[in-house]
């Protein structure tokens, strides 16, 4: 599906965008796991193609390492505020090994199941501030949901947390039922935030 986003018909001509407004619109690129790696490539591609007209941002979740030090330096220069969300004890962000010259891009936000967050851990914190063993369950969506909702609770955002849980609950139930009926679609649309985004999920 990423190839579909390469089509310039998704974006208005530069002349029209400049006439409509001076402030840039934002392209938020996101993805989970392998989708996080694809979203990293997509964000860099969008920044290269449309950086003068759009503000390109990246928030990926549980992404593996993607490139070497030169790639990471290029990416961080183009998109310096990129954010990687990593759940504590998730094994996927640790591969491929840094011993093979792979390096992460952007800023890391390590979050545990209680909602505690560490931004850009120091080398010492990377060794000691981590669970005893990695586990694949920490890579699944329920683990990320628990961690993010825990952080929202710490920030006194219970109402927003409940709203998010309701939205995702409706979406999941709609997918599980696979009804595709107008009533389910209308319920999802009415409960969803009015935002446009590109999501690259594996």
N, C-alpha and C. Protein backbone atom coordinates (compact mmCIF):
# COMPACT_ATOMS: atom_id res chain seq x y z
N UNK A 1 0.81 -1.20 0.00
CA UNK A 1 0.00 0.00 0.00
C UNK A 1 0.85 1.26 0.00
N UNK A 2 2.11 1.12 0.43
CA UNK A 2 2.96 2.30 0.45
C UNK A 2 3.13 2.86 -0.95
N UNK A 3 3.17 1.99 -1.97
CA UNK A 3 3.35 2.47 -3.34
C UNK A 3 2.20 3.39 -3.76
N UNK A 4 1.02 3.17 -3.20
CA UNK A 4 -0.11 4.04 -3.53
C UNK A 4 0.15 5.47 -3.07
N UNK A 5 0.89 5.64 -1.98
CA UNK A 5 1.15 6.97 -1.44
C UNK A 5 2.19 7.71 -2.26
N UNK A 6 2.92 7.00 -3.15
CA UNK A 6 3.89 7.66 -4.00
C UNK A 6 3.22 8.44 -5.11
N UNK A 7 1.95 8.12 -5.36
CA UNK A 7 1.22 8.78 -6.44
C UNK A 7 1.03 10.25 -6.11
N UNK A 8 1.53 11.16 -6.93
CA UNK A 8 1.42 12.60 -6.61
C UNK A 8 -0.02 13.11 -6.60
N UNK A 9 -0.98 12.29 -7.07
CA UNK A 9 -2.38 12.73 -7.04
C UNK A 9 -2.89 12.85 -5.61
N UNK A 10 -2.18 12.24 -4.64
CA UNK A 10 -2.59 12.35 -3.24
C UNK A 10 -2.32 13.75 -2.70
N UNK A 11 -1.54 14.54 -3.41
CA UNK A 11 -1.14 15.85 -2.93
C UNK A 11 -1.50 16.91 -3.96
N UNK A 12 -1.90 18.06 -3.49
CA UNK A 12 -2.23 19.16 -4.40
C UNK A 12 -0.96 19.74 -5.00
N UNK A 13 -1.06 20.34 -6.16
CA UNK A 13 0.12 21.00 -6.76
C UNK A 13 0.68 22.06 -5.84
N UNK A 14 1.98 22.28 -5.94
CA UNK A 14 2.67 23.22 -5.07
C UNK A 14 2.06 24.62 -5.16
N UNK A 15 1.72 25.06 -6.37
CA UNK A 15 1.19 26.41 -6.55
C UNK A 15 -0.12 26.60 -5.79
N UNK A 16 -1.00 25.59 -5.83
CA UNK A 16 -2.28 25.70 -5.12
C UNK A 16 -2.08 25.72 -3.61
N UNK A 17 -1.16 24.89 -3.12
CA UNK A 17 -0.93 24.85 -1.68
C UNK A 17 -0.38 26.17 -1.17
N UNK A 18 0.51 26.79 -1.92
CA UNK A 18 1.10 28.05 -1.49
C UNK A 18 0.07 29.17 -1.49
N UNK A 19 -0.88 29.12 -2.42
CA UNK A 19 -1.92 30.15 -2.47
C UNK A 19 -2.91 29.98 -1.33
N UNK A 20 -3.19 28.73 -0.94
CA UNK A 20 -4.22 28.47 0.06
C UNK A 20 -3.78 28.91 1.46
N UNK A 21 -2.54 28.64 1.82
CA UNK A 21 -2.10 28.97 3.18
C UNK A 21 -0.58 29.03 3.23
N UNK A 22 -0.10 29.84 4.17
CA UNK A 22 1.34 29.94 4.35
C UNK A 22 1.85 28.85 5.30
N UNK A 23 0.99 28.45 6.25
CA UNK A 23 1.40 27.44 7.22
C UNK A 23 1.37 26.05 6.60
N UNK A 24 2.39 25.26 6.87
CA UNK A 24 2.47 23.92 6.31
C UNK A 24 1.48 22.98 6.98
N UNK A 25 0.90 22.09 6.20
CA UNK A 25 0.10 21.01 6.76
C UNK A 25 1.05 19.88 7.15
N UNK A 26 0.60 19.03 8.07
CA UNK A 26 1.45 17.99 8.62
C UNK A 26 1.11 16.63 8.02
N UNK A 27 2.13 15.88 7.66
CA UNK A 27 1.99 14.48 7.29
C UNK A 27 2.58 13.68 8.44
N UNK A 28 1.72 12.96 9.17
CA UNK A 28 2.17 12.12 10.27
C UNK A 28 2.23 10.68 9.79
N UNK A 29 3.42 10.10 9.81
CA UNK A 29 3.64 8.74 9.35
C UNK A 29 3.87 7.85 10.57
N UNK A 30 3.18 6.71 10.63
CA UNK A 30 3.30 5.84 11.79
C UNK A 30 3.18 4.39 11.38
N UNK A 31 3.66 3.51 12.23
CA UNK A 31 3.58 2.08 11.94
C UNK A 31 4.08 1.29 13.13
N UNK A 32 3.77 -0.01 13.14
CA UNK A 32 4.15 -0.90 14.24
C UNK A 32 4.97 -2.06 13.70
N UNK A 33 6.07 -2.39 14.38
CA UNK A 33 6.91 -3.52 14.04
C UNK A 33 7.52 -3.34 12.65
N UNK A 34 7.29 -4.29 11.73
CA UNK A 34 7.81 -4.13 10.38
C UNK A 34 7.21 -2.88 9.73
N UNK A 35 5.96 -2.58 10.07
CA UNK A 35 5.34 -1.34 9.59
C UNK A 35 6.07 -0.11 10.09
N UNK A 36 6.70 -0.21 11.28
CA UNK A 36 7.50 0.90 11.78
C UNK A 36 8.73 1.14 10.92
N UNK A 37 9.34 0.04 10.44
CA UNK A 37 10.49 0.19 9.56
C UNK A 37 10.06 0.79 8.22
N UNK A 38 8.93 0.32 7.69
CA UNK A 38 8.42 0.86 6.42
C UNK A 38 8.05 2.33 6.58
N UNK A 39 7.46 2.68 7.72
CA UNK A 39 7.08 4.07 7.95
C UNK A 39 8.31 4.97 8.04
N UNK A 40 9.42 4.44 8.54
CA UNK A 40 10.65 5.22 8.59
C UNK A 40 11.12 5.56 7.18
N UNK A 41 11.12 4.57 6.30
CA UNK A 41 11.48 4.82 4.90
C UNK A 41 10.50 5.78 4.25
N UNK A 42 9.21 5.59 4.55
CA UNK A 42 8.19 6.45 3.96
C UNK A 42 8.33 7.89 4.41
N UNK A 43 8.61 8.10 5.70
CA UNK A 43 8.78 9.47 6.22
C UNK A 43 9.94 10.17 5.55
N UNK A 44 11.05 9.46 5.38
CA UNK A 44 12.22 10.06 4.72
C UNK A 44 11.91 10.36 3.26
N UNK A 45 11.17 9.47 2.61
CA UNK A 45 10.78 9.70 1.22
C UNK A 45 9.86 10.92 1.10
N UNK A 46 8.87 11.01 1.99
CA UNK A 46 7.94 12.15 1.96
C UNK A 46 8.68 13.46 2.23
N UNK A 47 9.62 13.42 3.18
CA UNK A 47 10.39 14.63 3.51
C UNK A 47 11.22 15.07 2.30
N UNK A 48 11.79 14.11 1.59
CA UNK A 48 12.59 14.44 0.41
C UNK A 48 11.73 15.00 -0.71
N UNK A 49 10.54 14.41 -0.89
CA UNK A 49 9.66 14.82 -1.99
C UNK A 49 8.87 16.08 -1.68
N UNK A 50 8.33 16.16 -0.46
CA UNK A 50 7.35 17.20 -0.14
C UNK A 50 7.75 18.06 1.05
N UNK A 51 9.02 18.02 1.45
CA UNK A 51 9.45 18.72 2.65
C UNK A 51 9.25 20.22 2.61
N UNK A 52 9.26 20.82 1.43
CA UNK A 52 9.08 22.26 1.32
C UNK A 52 7.63 22.67 1.50
N UNK A 53 6.71 21.75 1.24
CA UNK A 53 5.28 22.08 1.32
C UNK A 53 4.60 21.49 2.55
N UNK A 54 5.14 20.38 3.09
CA UNK A 54 4.49 19.69 4.21
C UNK A 54 5.49 19.51 5.36
N UNK A 55 4.97 19.54 6.57
CA UNK A 55 5.76 19.23 7.76
C UNK A 55 5.63 17.72 8.00
N UNK A 56 6.67 16.97 7.73
CA UNK A 56 6.64 15.51 7.84
C UNK A 56 7.12 15.09 9.23
N UNK A 57 6.32 14.27 9.90
CA UNK A 57 6.68 13.78 11.23
C UNK A 57 6.53 12.27 11.29
N UNK A 58 7.31 11.67 12.17
CA UNK A 58 7.29 10.21 12.32
C UNK A 58 7.12 9.83 13.78
N UNK A 59 6.15 8.94 14.04
CA UNK A 59 6.02 8.29 15.34
C UNK A 59 5.83 6.81 15.05
N UNK A 60 6.85 6.00 15.28
CA UNK A 60 6.67 4.57 15.06
C UNK A 60 6.74 3.82 16.38
N UNK A 61 6.24 2.60 16.35
CA UNK A 61 6.11 1.79 17.56
C UNK A 61 6.80 0.45 17.33
N UNK A 62 7.72 0.12 18.22
CA UNK A 62 8.38 -1.19 18.20
C UNK A 62 9.06 -1.48 16.88
N UNK A 63 9.73 -0.49 16.33
CA UNK A 63 10.41 -0.68 15.06
C UNK A 63 11.78 -1.33 15.26
N UNK A 64 12.15 -2.26 14.38
CA UNK A 64 13.52 -2.78 14.43
C UNK A 64 14.50 -1.75 13.88
N UNK A 65 15.79 -2.00 14.06
CA UNK A 65 16.79 -1.14 13.44
C UNK A 65 16.71 -1.30 11.93
N UNK A 66 16.96 -0.21 11.22
CA UNK A 66 16.71 -0.22 9.78
C UNK A 66 17.96 0.00 8.94
N UNK A 67 18.84 0.91 9.35
CA UNK A 67 20.00 1.24 8.54
C UNK A 67 21.25 1.40 9.37
N UNK A 68 22.34 1.78 8.70
CA UNK A 68 23.60 1.97 9.40
C UNK A 68 23.71 3.39 9.94
N UNK A 69 24.90 3.76 10.41
CA UNK A 69 25.10 5.07 11.02
C UNK A 69 24.89 6.20 10.01
N UNK A 70 25.29 5.98 8.76
CA UNK A 70 25.11 7.02 7.75
C UNK A 70 23.63 7.26 7.48
N UNK A 71 22.86 6.17 7.41
CA UNK A 71 21.42 6.33 7.20
C UNK A 71 20.78 7.05 8.39
N UNK A 72 21.16 6.67 9.61
CA UNK A 72 20.60 7.31 10.80
C UNK A 72 20.94 8.79 10.85
N UNK A 73 22.16 9.15 10.46
CA UNK A 73 22.56 10.56 10.46
C UNK A 73 21.77 11.35 9.43
N UNK A 74 21.58 10.77 8.25
CA UNK A 74 20.78 11.43 7.21
C UNK A 74 19.35 11.62 7.67
N UNK A 75 18.77 10.55 8.25
CA UNK A 75 17.38 10.63 8.70
C UNK A 75 17.21 11.67 9.79
N UNK A 76 18.10 11.65 10.79
CA UNK A 76 17.98 12.59 11.90
C UNK A 76 18.19 14.03 11.47
N UNK A 77 18.94 14.22 10.40
CA UNK A 77 19.13 15.56 9.86
C UNK A 77 17.85 16.05 9.16
N UNK A 78 17.19 15.14 8.46
CA UNK A 78 15.97 15.50 7.73
C UNK A 78 14.76 15.62 8.66
N UNK A 79 14.63 14.67 9.60
CA UNK A 79 13.47 14.65 10.51
C UNK A 79 14.01 14.54 11.94
N UNK A 80 14.44 15.65 12.52
CA UNK A 80 15.11 15.61 13.83
C UNK A 80 14.19 15.30 15.00
N UNK A 81 12.87 15.43 14.84
CA UNK A 81 11.96 15.22 15.97
C UNK A 81 11.22 13.88 15.88
N UNK A 82 11.74 12.93 15.12
CA UNK A 82 11.10 11.62 15.01
C UNK A 82 11.12 10.91 16.37
N UNK A 83 10.05 10.15 16.64
CA UNK A 83 9.90 9.48 17.94
C UNK A 83 9.67 7.99 17.73
N UNK A 84 10.40 7.18 18.49
CA UNK A 84 10.21 5.73 18.50
C UNK A 84 9.69 5.32 19.88
N UNK A 85 8.52 4.69 19.91
CA UNK A 85 7.96 4.20 21.16
C UNK A 85 8.34 2.73 21.31
N UNK A 86 8.99 2.42 22.42
CA UNK A 86 9.48 1.05 22.67
C UNK A 86 8.90 0.57 23.99
N UNK A 87 8.23 -0.57 23.96
CA UNK A 87 7.69 -1.16 25.19
C UNK A 87 8.79 -1.96 25.88
N UNK A 88 8.88 -1.82 27.19
CA UNK A 88 9.92 -2.51 27.96
C UNK A 88 9.87 -4.02 27.72
N UNK A 89 11.03 -4.62 27.49
CA UNK A 89 11.22 -6.05 27.27
C UNK A 89 10.75 -6.52 25.90
N UNK A 90 10.45 -5.59 25.01
CA UNK A 90 10.11 -5.95 23.62
C UNK A 90 11.40 -6.33 22.90
N UNK A 91 11.42 -7.50 22.27
CA UNK A 91 12.63 -8.00 21.65
C UNK A 91 12.87 -7.43 20.26
N UNK A 92 11.81 -7.03 19.56
CA UNK A 92 11.95 -6.61 18.16
C UNK A 92 12.83 -5.36 17.99
N UNK A 93 12.71 -4.33 18.83
CA UNK A 93 13.59 -3.15 18.65
C UNK A 93 15.07 -3.44 18.88
N UNK A 94 15.40 -4.62 19.40
CA UNK A 94 16.81 -4.94 19.63
C UNK A 94 17.46 -5.62 18.43
N UNK A 95 16.71 -5.85 17.35
CA UNK A 95 17.26 -6.51 16.16
C UNK A 95 17.15 -5.56 14.96
N UNK A 96 18.02 -5.71 13.95
CA UNK A 96 19.27 -6.47 13.99
C UNK A 96 20.22 -5.86 15.01
N UNK A 97 21.18 -6.62 15.43
CA UNK A 97 22.09 -6.18 16.49
C UNK A 97 22.93 -4.98 16.04
N UNK A 98 23.22 -4.11 17.01
CA UNK A 98 24.09 -2.98 16.73
C UNK A 98 25.50 -3.42 16.40
N UNK A 99 25.83 -4.66 16.71
CA UNK A 99 27.15 -5.19 16.38
C UNK A 99 27.35 -5.26 14.87
N UNK A 100 26.25 -5.32 14.14
CA UNK A 100 26.32 -5.39 12.68
C UNK A 100 26.17 -4.01 12.04
N UNK A 101 26.48 -2.96 12.83
CA UNK A 101 26.50 -1.58 12.35
C UNK A 101 25.11 -1.00 12.10
N UNK A 102 24.06 -1.64 12.62
CA UNK A 102 22.72 -1.07 12.51
C UNK A 102 22.50 -0.07 13.64
N UNK A 103 21.75 0.98 13.35
CA UNK A 103 21.50 2.01 14.36
C UNK A 103 20.08 2.53 14.25
N UNK A 104 19.47 2.80 15.40
CA UNK A 104 18.12 3.36 15.42
C UNK A 104 18.13 4.83 15.01
N UNK A 105 16.98 5.30 14.55
CA UNK A 105 16.81 6.70 14.20
C UNK A 105 15.93 7.38 15.24
N UNK A 106 15.96 8.70 15.27
CA UNK A 106 15.04 9.47 16.11
C UNK A 106 15.30 9.34 17.60
N UNK A 107 14.30 9.77 18.37
CA UNK A 107 14.36 9.75 19.83
C UNK A 107 13.58 8.56 20.36
N UNK A 108 14.17 7.87 21.32
CA UNK A 108 13.52 6.70 21.90
C UNK A 108 12.70 7.10 23.12
N UNK A 109 11.49 6.54 23.22
CA UNK A 109 10.67 6.67 24.42
C UNK A 109 10.37 5.27 24.93
N UNK A 110 11.12 4.84 25.94
CA UNK A 110 10.91 3.51 26.53
C UNK A 110 9.81 3.62 27.58
N UNK A 111 8.80 2.78 27.45
CA UNK A 111 7.66 2.83 28.35
C UNK A 111 7.39 1.44 28.91
N UNK A 112 7.17 1.35 30.23
CA UNK A 112 6.91 0.04 30.84
C UNK A 112 5.42 -0.14 31.06
N UNK A 113 5.06 -1.29 31.62
CA UNK A 113 3.64 -1.64 31.76
C UNK A 113 2.91 -0.76 32.75
N UNK A 114 3.65 -0.04 33.60
CA UNK A 114 3.03 0.87 34.56
C UNK A 114 2.88 2.28 34.02
N UNK A 115 3.42 2.53 32.83
CA UNK A 115 3.32 3.85 32.24
C UNK A 115 4.50 4.75 32.51
N UNK A 116 5.56 4.22 33.12
CA UNK A 116 6.77 5.01 33.33
C UNK A 116 7.52 5.16 32.01
N UNK A 117 8.03 6.36 31.74
CA UNK A 117 8.67 6.64 30.45
C UNK A 117 10.07 7.18 30.67
N UNK A 118 11.00 6.69 29.86
CA UNK A 118 12.36 7.23 29.80
C UNK A 118 12.62 7.67 28.37
N UNK A 119 13.06 8.91 28.21
CA UNK A 119 13.36 9.45 26.88
C UNK A 119 14.87 9.44 26.67
N UNK A 120 15.28 8.87 25.54
CA UNK A 120 16.70 8.86 25.16
C UNK A 120 17.58 8.36 26.31
N UNK A 121 17.44 7.08 26.63
CA UNK A 121 18.21 6.49 27.72
C UNK A 121 19.72 6.63 27.51
N UNK A 122 20.43 6.81 28.58
CA UNK A 122 21.89 6.83 28.54
C UNK A 122 22.39 5.39 28.39
N UNK A 123 23.66 5.19 28.02
CA UNK A 123 24.19 3.82 27.92
C UNK A 123 24.03 3.03 29.21
N UNK A 124 24.18 3.67 30.36
CA UNK A 124 24.02 2.97 31.63
C UNK A 124 22.57 2.56 31.83
N UNK A 125 21.64 3.46 31.50
CA UNK A 125 20.22 3.13 31.64
C UNK A 125 19.83 2.01 30.69
N UNK A 126 20.43 1.95 29.52
CA UNK A 126 20.11 0.88 28.58
C UNK A 126 20.51 -0.49 29.12
N UNK A 127 21.50 -0.51 29.99
CA UNK A 127 21.96 -1.77 30.57
C UNK A 127 21.12 -2.16 31.78
N UNK A 128 20.82 -1.19 32.65
CA UNK A 128 20.20 -1.52 33.92
C UNK A 128 18.71 -1.24 34.00
N UNK A 129 18.21 -0.26 33.24
CA UNK A 129 16.78 0.07 33.32
C UNK A 129 16.05 -0.71 32.24
N UNK A 130 15.77 -1.96 32.54
CA UNK A 130 15.10 -2.83 31.61
C UNK A 130 14.68 -4.08 32.36
N UNK A 131 13.65 -4.75 31.87
CA UNK A 131 13.20 -5.98 32.50
C UNK A 131 14.27 -7.07 32.43
N UNK A 132 14.07 -8.12 33.19
CA UNK A 132 15.07 -9.18 33.26
C UNK A 132 15.24 -9.94 31.95
N UNK A 133 14.17 -10.14 31.22
CA UNK A 133 14.26 -10.92 29.98
C UNK A 133 13.27 -10.38 28.97
N UNK A 134 13.63 -10.53 27.70
CA UNK A 134 12.75 -10.09 26.63
C UNK A 134 11.63 -11.10 26.43
N UNK A 135 10.51 -10.63 25.90
CA UNK A 135 9.38 -11.53 25.66
C UNK A 135 8.57 -11.01 24.49
N UNK A 136 8.03 -11.92 23.70
CA UNK A 136 7.26 -11.53 22.53
C UNK A 136 5.93 -10.88 22.90
N UNK A 137 5.40 -11.22 24.09
CA UNK A 137 4.13 -10.62 24.50
C UNK A 137 4.25 -9.11 24.66
N UNK A 138 5.48 -8.62 24.94
CA UNK A 138 5.69 -7.17 25.07
C UNK A 138 5.66 -6.48 23.73
N UNK A 139 5.63 -7.26 22.65
CA UNK A 139 5.59 -6.70 21.31
C UNK A 139 4.16 -6.55 20.79
N UNK A 140 3.21 -7.16 21.46
CA UNK A 140 1.82 -7.17 21.00
C UNK A 140 1.10 -5.88 21.40
N UNK A 141 0.00 -5.59 20.70
CA UNK A 141 -0.76 -4.37 20.95
C UNK A 141 -1.27 -4.25 22.39
N UNK A 142 -1.76 -5.33 23.03
CA UNK A 142 -2.24 -5.17 24.42
C UNK A 142 -1.18 -4.62 25.36
N UNK A 143 0.08 -5.02 25.16
CA UNK A 143 1.15 -4.51 26.02
C UNK A 143 1.35 -3.01 25.80
N UNK A 144 1.30 -2.59 24.54
CA UNK A 144 1.45 -1.16 24.25
C UNK A 144 0.25 -0.37 24.76
N UNK A 145 -0.95 -0.95 24.61
CA UNK A 145 -2.14 -0.27 25.13
C UNK A 145 -2.02 -0.04 26.63
N UNK A 146 -1.64 -1.08 27.38
CA UNK A 146 -1.53 -0.96 28.83
C UNK A 146 -0.50 0.09 29.22
N UNK A 147 0.63 0.10 28.50
CA UNK A 147 1.70 1.04 28.83
C UNK A 147 1.27 2.48 28.54
N UNK A 148 0.67 2.69 27.37
CA UNK A 148 0.28 4.05 26.99
C UNK A 148 -0.86 4.57 27.87
N UNK A 149 -1.83 3.71 28.18
CA UNK A 149 -2.91 4.13 29.05
C UNK A 149 -2.39 4.41 30.46
N UNK A 150 -1.37 3.65 30.88
CA UNK A 150 -0.76 3.92 32.17
C UNK A 150 -0.08 5.28 32.21
N UNK A 151 0.59 5.64 31.12
CA UNK A 151 1.22 6.96 31.04
C UNK A 151 0.17 8.06 31.03
N UNK A 152 -0.94 7.85 30.30
CA UNK A 152 -2.00 8.85 30.26
C UNK A 152 -2.61 9.05 31.65
N UNK A 153 -2.72 7.96 32.41
CA UNK A 153 -3.25 8.08 33.78
C UNK A 153 -2.30 8.89 34.64
N UNK A 154 -1.00 8.68 34.48
CA UNK A 154 -0.02 9.45 35.25
C UNK A 154 -0.08 10.93 34.91
N UNK A 155 -0.47 11.23 33.67
CA UNK A 155 -0.58 12.63 33.25
C UNK A 155 -1.97 13.21 33.52
N UNK A 156 -2.78 12.45 34.27
CA UNK A 156 -4.15 12.88 34.62
C UNK A 156 -5.00 13.08 33.36
N UNK A 157 -4.86 12.18 32.42
CA UNK A 157 -5.64 12.24 31.18
C UNK A 157 -6.60 11.05 31.11
N UNK A 158 -7.28 10.78 32.25
CA UNK A 158 -8.18 9.63 32.30
C UNK A 158 -9.31 9.73 31.28
N UNK A 159 -9.86 10.95 31.11
CA UNK A 159 -10.97 11.11 30.18
C UNK A 159 -10.54 10.80 28.75
N UNK A 160 -9.36 11.30 28.38
CA UNK A 160 -8.85 11.02 27.04
C UNK A 160 -8.55 9.53 26.90
N UNK A 161 -8.04 8.91 27.95
CA UNK A 161 -7.76 7.49 27.92
C UNK A 161 -9.04 6.68 27.69
N UNK A 162 -10.11 7.04 28.39
CA UNK A 162 -11.38 6.34 28.22
C UNK A 162 -11.92 6.53 26.80
N UNK A 163 -11.77 7.74 26.26
CA UNK A 163 -12.25 8.01 24.91
C UNK A 163 -11.49 7.15 23.90
N UNK A 164 -10.16 7.07 24.07
CA UNK A 164 -9.35 6.25 23.16
C UNK A 164 -9.74 4.78 23.25
N UNK A 165 -9.96 4.31 24.49
CA UNK A 165 -10.33 2.91 24.66
C UNK A 165 -11.69 2.62 24.03
N UNK A 166 -12.61 3.57 24.12
CA UNK A 166 -13.91 3.39 23.49
C UNK A 166 -13.80 3.33 21.98
N UNK A 167 -12.97 4.22 21.41
CA UNK A 167 -12.80 4.25 19.96
C UNK A 167 -12.20 2.94 19.47
N UNK A 168 -11.11 2.50 20.11
CA UNK A 168 -10.47 1.27 19.66
C UNK A 168 -11.34 0.06 19.94
N UNK A 169 -12.13 0.10 21.03
CA UNK A 169 -13.03 -1.00 21.31
C UNK A 169 -14.09 -1.15 20.22
N UNK A 170 -14.63 -0.01 19.76
CA UNK A 170 -15.63 -0.05 18.69
C UNK A 170 -15.00 -0.56 17.41
N UNK A 171 -13.80 -0.09 17.09
CA UNK A 171 -13.14 -0.53 15.86
C UNK A 171 -12.85 -2.02 15.89
N UNK A 172 -12.34 -2.50 17.03
CA UNK A 172 -12.01 -3.91 17.13
C UNK A 172 -13.25 -4.78 17.03
N UNK A 173 -14.32 -4.37 17.72
CA UNK A 173 -15.54 -5.16 17.65
C UNK A 173 -16.10 -5.16 16.24
N UNK A 174 -15.95 -4.04 15.54
CA UNK A 174 -16.42 -3.98 14.15
C UNK A 174 -15.63 -4.91 13.25
N UNK A 175 -14.31 -4.99 13.50
CA UNK A 175 -13.48 -5.89 12.69
C UNK A 175 -13.77 -7.34 13.02
N UNK A 176 -14.00 -7.63 14.32
CA UNK A 176 -14.25 -9.00 14.72
C UNK A 176 -15.57 -9.51 14.15
N UNK A 177 -16.59 -8.66 14.15
CA UNK A 177 -17.88 -9.07 13.62
C UNK A 177 -17.87 -9.17 12.11
N UNK A 178 -17.02 -8.33 11.48
CA UNK A 178 -16.90 -8.30 10.02
C UNK A 178 -18.26 -8.13 9.36
N UNK A 179 -19.09 -7.32 9.99
CA UNK A 179 -20.42 -7.11 9.44
C UNK A 179 -20.36 -6.20 8.23
N UNK A 180 -19.54 -5.14 8.33
CA UNK A 180 -19.46 -4.20 7.23
C UNK A 180 -20.75 -3.43 7.03
N UNK A 181 -21.66 -3.49 8.01
CA UNK A 181 -22.94 -2.82 7.88
C UNK A 181 -22.82 -1.33 8.05
N UNK A 182 -23.82 -0.61 7.56
CA UNK A 182 -23.81 0.84 7.64
C UNK A 182 -23.82 1.31 9.09
N UNK A 183 -24.52 0.58 9.97
CA UNK A 183 -24.62 0.99 11.36
C UNK A 183 -23.25 0.95 12.03
N UNK A 184 -22.48 -0.14 11.79
CA UNK A 184 -21.15 -0.25 12.38
C UNK A 184 -20.22 0.82 11.84
N UNK A 185 -20.28 1.05 10.51
CA UNK A 185 -19.44 2.06 9.90
C UNK A 185 -19.75 3.44 10.45
N UNK A 186 -21.03 3.75 10.62
CA UNK A 186 -21.44 5.05 11.13
C UNK A 186 -20.96 5.22 12.57
N UNK A 187 -21.06 4.16 13.37
CA UNK A 187 -20.63 4.22 14.77
C UNK A 187 -19.14 4.47 14.87
N UNK A 188 -18.36 3.82 13.99
CA UNK A 188 -16.91 4.02 13.99
C UNK A 188 -16.57 5.44 13.58
N UNK A 189 -17.22 5.93 12.52
CA UNK A 189 -16.93 7.27 12.03
C UNK A 189 -17.27 8.34 13.05
N UNK A 190 -18.39 8.16 13.75
CA UNK A 190 -18.79 9.17 14.73
C UNK A 190 -17.87 9.19 15.94
N UNK A 191 -17.26 8.05 16.27
CA UNK A 191 -16.41 7.98 17.45
C UNK A 191 -14.95 8.25 17.15
N UNK A 192 -14.58 8.28 15.88
CA UNK A 192 -13.17 8.44 15.52
C UNK A 192 -12.78 9.90 15.49
N UNK A 193 -11.54 10.21 15.89
CA UNK A 193 -11.05 11.59 15.79
C UNK A 193 -11.01 12.03 14.34
N UNK A 194 -11.28 13.30 14.08
CA UNK A 194 -11.29 13.82 12.72
C UNK A 194 -9.88 14.18 12.30
N UNK A 195 -9.05 13.16 12.07
CA UNK A 195 -7.67 13.39 11.65
C UNK A 195 -7.36 12.49 10.46
N UNK A 196 -6.50 12.98 9.59
CA UNK A 196 -6.03 12.20 8.47
C UNK A 196 -4.60 11.77 8.75
N UNK A 197 -4.30 10.50 8.49
CA UNK A 197 -2.94 10.03 8.70
C UNK A 197 -2.67 8.85 7.78
N UNK A 198 -1.38 8.58 7.59
CA UNK A 198 -0.94 7.44 6.82
C UNK A 198 -0.40 6.42 7.80
N UNK A 199 -0.89 5.21 7.75
CA UNK A 199 -0.46 4.17 8.68
C UNK A 199 0.12 3.01 7.90
N UNK A 200 1.35 2.64 8.21
CA UNK A 200 2.01 1.51 7.55
C UNK A 200 2.16 0.40 8.57
N UNK A 201 1.22 -0.51 8.62
CA UNK A 201 1.25 -1.59 9.58
C UNK A 201 1.61 -2.89 8.90
N UNK A 202 2.39 -3.70 9.57
CA UNK A 202 2.73 -5.03 9.03
C UNK A 202 1.63 -6.00 9.38
